[in-house]
Amino acid sequence: MLNHAIIEPADISSSITKNWTEQAIECYKLNGNCEECSIKKAHYSFDCQMPKVVEILMLMNGEPEID
């Protein structure tokens, strides 16, 4: 997954790759399992980029602090 994120950074906003957000932490906890994600379950009309964002966050910031 990390190689994919590095190859295609242009389709991801840099603002969402700076800090762990609630949605990014959810994706991290689900290990990128989109079938269990709240975004997927809400049937939004866009392709989720969160697995790519999580890979970038892991590279830049390490693992999130989870309570």
N, C-alpha and C. Protein backbone atom coordinates (compact mmCIF):
# COMPACT_ATOMS: atom_id res chain seq x y z
N MET A 1 0.82 -1.19 0.00
CA MET A 1 0.00 0.00 0.00
C MET A 1 0.86 1.26 0.00
N LEU A 2 1.96 1.26 0.72
CA LEU A 2 2.80 2.45 0.83
C LEU A 2 3.32 2.88 -0.54
N ASN A 3 3.77 1.96 -1.37
CA ASN A 3 4.27 2.32 -2.69
C ASN A 3 3.20 3.02 -3.49
N HIS A 4 1.98 2.57 -3.40
CA HIS A 4 0.86 3.17 -4.12
C HIS A 4 0.66 4.61 -3.65
N ALA A 5 0.76 4.84 -2.36
CA ALA A 5 0.57 6.18 -1.81
C ALA A 5 1.67 7.12 -2.28
N ILE A 6 2.89 6.63 -2.37
CA ILE A 6 4.00 7.47 -2.78
C ILE A 6 3.93 7.75 -4.28
N ILE A 7 3.49 6.78 -5.06
CA ILE A 7 3.41 6.95 -6.50
C ILE A 7 2.33 7.95 -6.89
N GLU A 8 1.22 8.00 -6.15
CA GLU A 8 0.10 8.84 -6.53
C GLU A 8 -0.27 9.88 -5.45
N PRO A 9 0.67 10.69 -5.00
CA PRO A 9 0.33 11.66 -3.96
C PRO A 9 -0.53 12.82 -4.46
N ALA A 10 -0.58 13.05 -5.75
CA ALA A 10 -1.30 14.21 -6.28
C ALA A 10 -2.80 14.12 -6.05
N ASP A 11 -3.34 12.91 -5.88
CA ASP A 11 -4.78 12.77 -5.69
C ASP A 11 -5.19 12.82 -4.22
N ILE A 12 -4.25 13.16 -3.36
CA ILE A 12 -4.53 13.25 -1.92
C ILE A 12 -4.16 14.64 -1.43
N SER A 13 -5.08 15.28 -0.74
CA SER A 13 -4.83 16.61 -0.20
C SER A 13 -3.76 16.53 0.89
N SER A 14 -2.79 17.40 0.84
CA SER A 14 -1.73 17.40 1.84
C SER A 14 -2.25 17.75 3.23
N SER A 15 -3.39 18.42 3.31
CA SER A 15 -3.92 18.80 4.62
C SER A 15 -4.38 17.59 5.43
N ILE A 16 -4.79 16.51 4.77
CA ILE A 16 -5.26 15.34 5.52
C ILE A 16 -4.14 14.35 5.82
N THR A 17 -2.92 14.67 5.41
CA THR A 17 -1.80 13.78 5.69
C THR A 17 -0.86 14.37 6.74
N LYS A 18 -1.29 15.41 7.43
CA LYS A 18 -0.45 16.05 8.43
C LYS A 18 -0.69 15.50 9.84
N ASN A 19 -1.94 15.19 10.16
CA ASN A 19 -2.28 14.74 11.50
C ASN A 19 -3.27 13.59 11.44
N TRP A 20 -3.23 12.76 12.46
CA TRP A 20 -4.20 11.67 12.57
C TRP A 20 -5.58 12.26 12.88
N THR A 21 -6.55 11.94 12.03
CA THR A 21 -7.93 12.36 12.25
C THR A 21 -8.72 11.16 12.77
N GLU A 22 -9.93 11.41 13.22
CA GLU A 22 -10.79 10.33 13.70
C GLU A 22 -11.00 9.28 12.60
N GLN A 23 -11.22 9.75 11.38
CA GLN A 23 -11.46 8.82 10.25
C GLN A 23 -10.20 8.03 9.92
N ALA A 24 -9.04 8.67 9.97
CA ALA A 24 -7.78 7.97 9.70
C ALA A 24 -7.51 6.92 10.76
N ILE A 25 -7.80 7.24 12.01
CA ILE A 25 -7.61 6.27 13.09
C ILE A 25 -8.57 5.09 12.93
N GLU A 26 -9.81 5.36 12.51
CA GLU A 26 -10.75 4.27 12.25
C GLU A 26 -10.19 3.34 11.17
N CYS A 27 -9.69 3.92 10.09
CA CYS A 27 -9.12 3.14 9.00
C CYS A 27 -7.92 2.33 9.50
N TYR A 28 -7.09 2.94 10.31
CA TYR A 28 -5.92 2.27 10.88
C TYR A 28 -6.36 1.07 11.73
N LYS A 29 -7.36 1.29 12.59
CA LYS A 29 -7.85 0.21 13.46
C LYS A 29 -8.45 -0.93 12.64
N LEU A 30 -9.07 -0.60 11.51
CA LEU A 30 -9.68 -1.62 10.64
C LEU A 30 -8.66 -2.25 9.69
N ASN A 31 -7.41 -1.80 9.79
CA ASN A 31 -6.35 -2.29 8.92
C ASN A 31 -6.72 -2.11 7.44
N GLY A 32 -7.37 -0.98 7.15
CA GLY A 32 -7.73 -0.66 5.77
C GLY A 32 -8.85 -1.52 5.20
N ASN A 33 -9.61 -2.20 6.05
CA ASN A 33 -10.72 -3.03 5.60
C ASN A 33 -11.92 -2.15 5.26
N CYS A 34 -12.02 -1.78 4.03
CA CYS A 34 -13.05 -0.83 3.60
C CYS A 34 -14.47 -1.34 3.79
N GLU A 35 -14.66 -2.64 3.79
CA GLU A 35 -16.00 -3.21 3.96
C GLU A 35 -16.56 -2.91 5.36
N GLU A 36 -15.71 -2.67 6.33
CA GLU A 36 -16.15 -2.38 7.70
C GLU A 36 -16.16 -0.89 8.03
N CYS A 37 -15.74 -0.07 7.10
CA CYS A 37 -15.57 1.36 7.33
C CYS A 37 -16.89 2.11 7.30
N SER A 38 -17.00 3.13 8.12
CA SER A 38 -18.21 3.96 8.15
C SER A 38 -18.41 4.73 6.85
N ILE A 39 -17.34 5.07 6.16
CA ILE A 39 -17.46 5.75 4.87
C ILE A 39 -18.12 4.82 3.86
N LYS A 40 -17.64 3.60 3.79
CA LYS A 40 -18.21 2.62 2.86
C LYS A 40 -19.68 2.35 3.18
N LYS A 41 -19.98 2.21 4.47
CA LYS A 41 -21.35 1.90 4.89
C LYS A 41 -22.30 3.07 4.61
N ALA A 42 -21.79 4.27 4.51
CA ALA A 42 -22.63 5.44 4.24
C ALA A 42 -22.89 5.62 2.75
N HIS A 43 -22.24 4.82 1.91
CA HIS A 43 -22.46 4.84 0.46
C HIS A 43 -22.20 6.22 -0.16
N TYR A 44 -21.09 6.83 0.24
CA TYR A 44 -20.70 8.10 -0.38
C TYR A 44 -20.37 7.87 -1.85
N SER A 45 -20.43 8.92 -2.63
CA SER A 45 -20.24 8.79 -4.07
C SER A 45 -18.79 9.03 -4.50
N PHE A 46 -17.84 8.87 -3.61
CA PHE A 46 -16.44 9.05 -3.97
C PHE A 46 -15.64 7.82 -3.55
N ASP A 47 -14.49 7.65 -4.17
CA ASP A 47 -13.60 6.56 -3.79
C ASP A 47 -12.76 7.02 -2.61
N CYS A 48 -12.82 6.27 -1.55
CA CYS A 48 -12.08 6.63 -0.34
C CYS A 48 -10.58 6.49 -0.56
N GLN A 49 -9.85 7.49 -0.14
CA GLN A 49 -8.39 7.50 -0.24
C GLN A 49 -7.73 7.25 1.12
N MET A 50 -8.55 6.95 2.13
CA MET A 50 -8.02 6.85 3.49
C MET A 50 -6.93 5.80 3.65
N PRO A 51 -7.00 4.62 3.02
CA PRO A 51 -5.87 3.68 3.17
C PRO A 51 -4.54 4.29 2.73
N LYS A 52 -4.57 5.10 1.68
CA LYS A 52 -3.35 5.79 1.24
C LYS A 52 -2.92 6.83 2.26
N VAL A 53 -3.89 7.54 2.81
CA VAL A 53 -3.60 8.56 3.82
C VAL A 53 -2.97 7.92 5.05
N VAL A 54 -3.51 6.78 5.48
CA VAL A 54 -2.97 6.07 6.65
C VAL A 54 -1.51 5.69 6.41
N GLU A 55 -1.21 5.20 5.22
CA GLU A 55 0.17 4.83 4.91
C GLU A 55 1.10 6.04 5.00
N ILE A 56 0.67 7.17 4.49
CA ILE A 56 1.48 8.38 4.55
C ILE A 56 1.64 8.84 5.99
N LEU A 57 0.53 8.82 6.76
CA LEU A 57 0.60 9.21 8.18
C LEU A 57 1.56 8.30 8.95
N MET A 58 1.52 7.01 8.67
CA MET A 58 2.42 6.07 9.35
C MET A 58 3.89 6.42 9.03
N LEU A 59 4.13 6.73 7.78
CA LEU A 59 5.49 7.08 7.35
C LEU A 59 5.95 8.38 7.99
N MET A 60 5.09 9.37 8.01
CA MET A 60 5.46 10.70 8.49
C MET A 60 5.37 10.87 10.01
N ASN A 61 4.36 10.23 10.63
CA ASN A 61 4.08 10.48 12.04
C ASN A 61 4.14 9.26 12.95
N GLY A 62 4.29 8.09 12.37
CA GLY A 62 4.26 6.87 13.16
C GLY A 62 2.82 6.49 13.50
N GLU A 63 2.67 5.51 14.35
CA GLU A 63 1.35 5.02 14.72
C GLU A 63 0.58 6.07 15.53
N PRO A 64 -0.75 6.07 15.40
CA PRO A 64 -1.54 7.04 16.15
C PRO A 64 -1.62 6.66 17.62
N GLU A 65 -1.87 7.64 18.46
CA GLU A 65 -2.13 7.38 19.88
C GLU A 65 -3.59 6.97 20.00
N ILE A 66 -3.82 5.76 20.48
CA ILE A 66 -5.18 5.24 20.60
C ILE A 66 -5.49 5.01 22.07
N ASP A 67 -6.64 5.57 22.50
CA ASP A 67 -7.04 5.40 23.90
C ASP A 67 -7.70 4.06 24.12
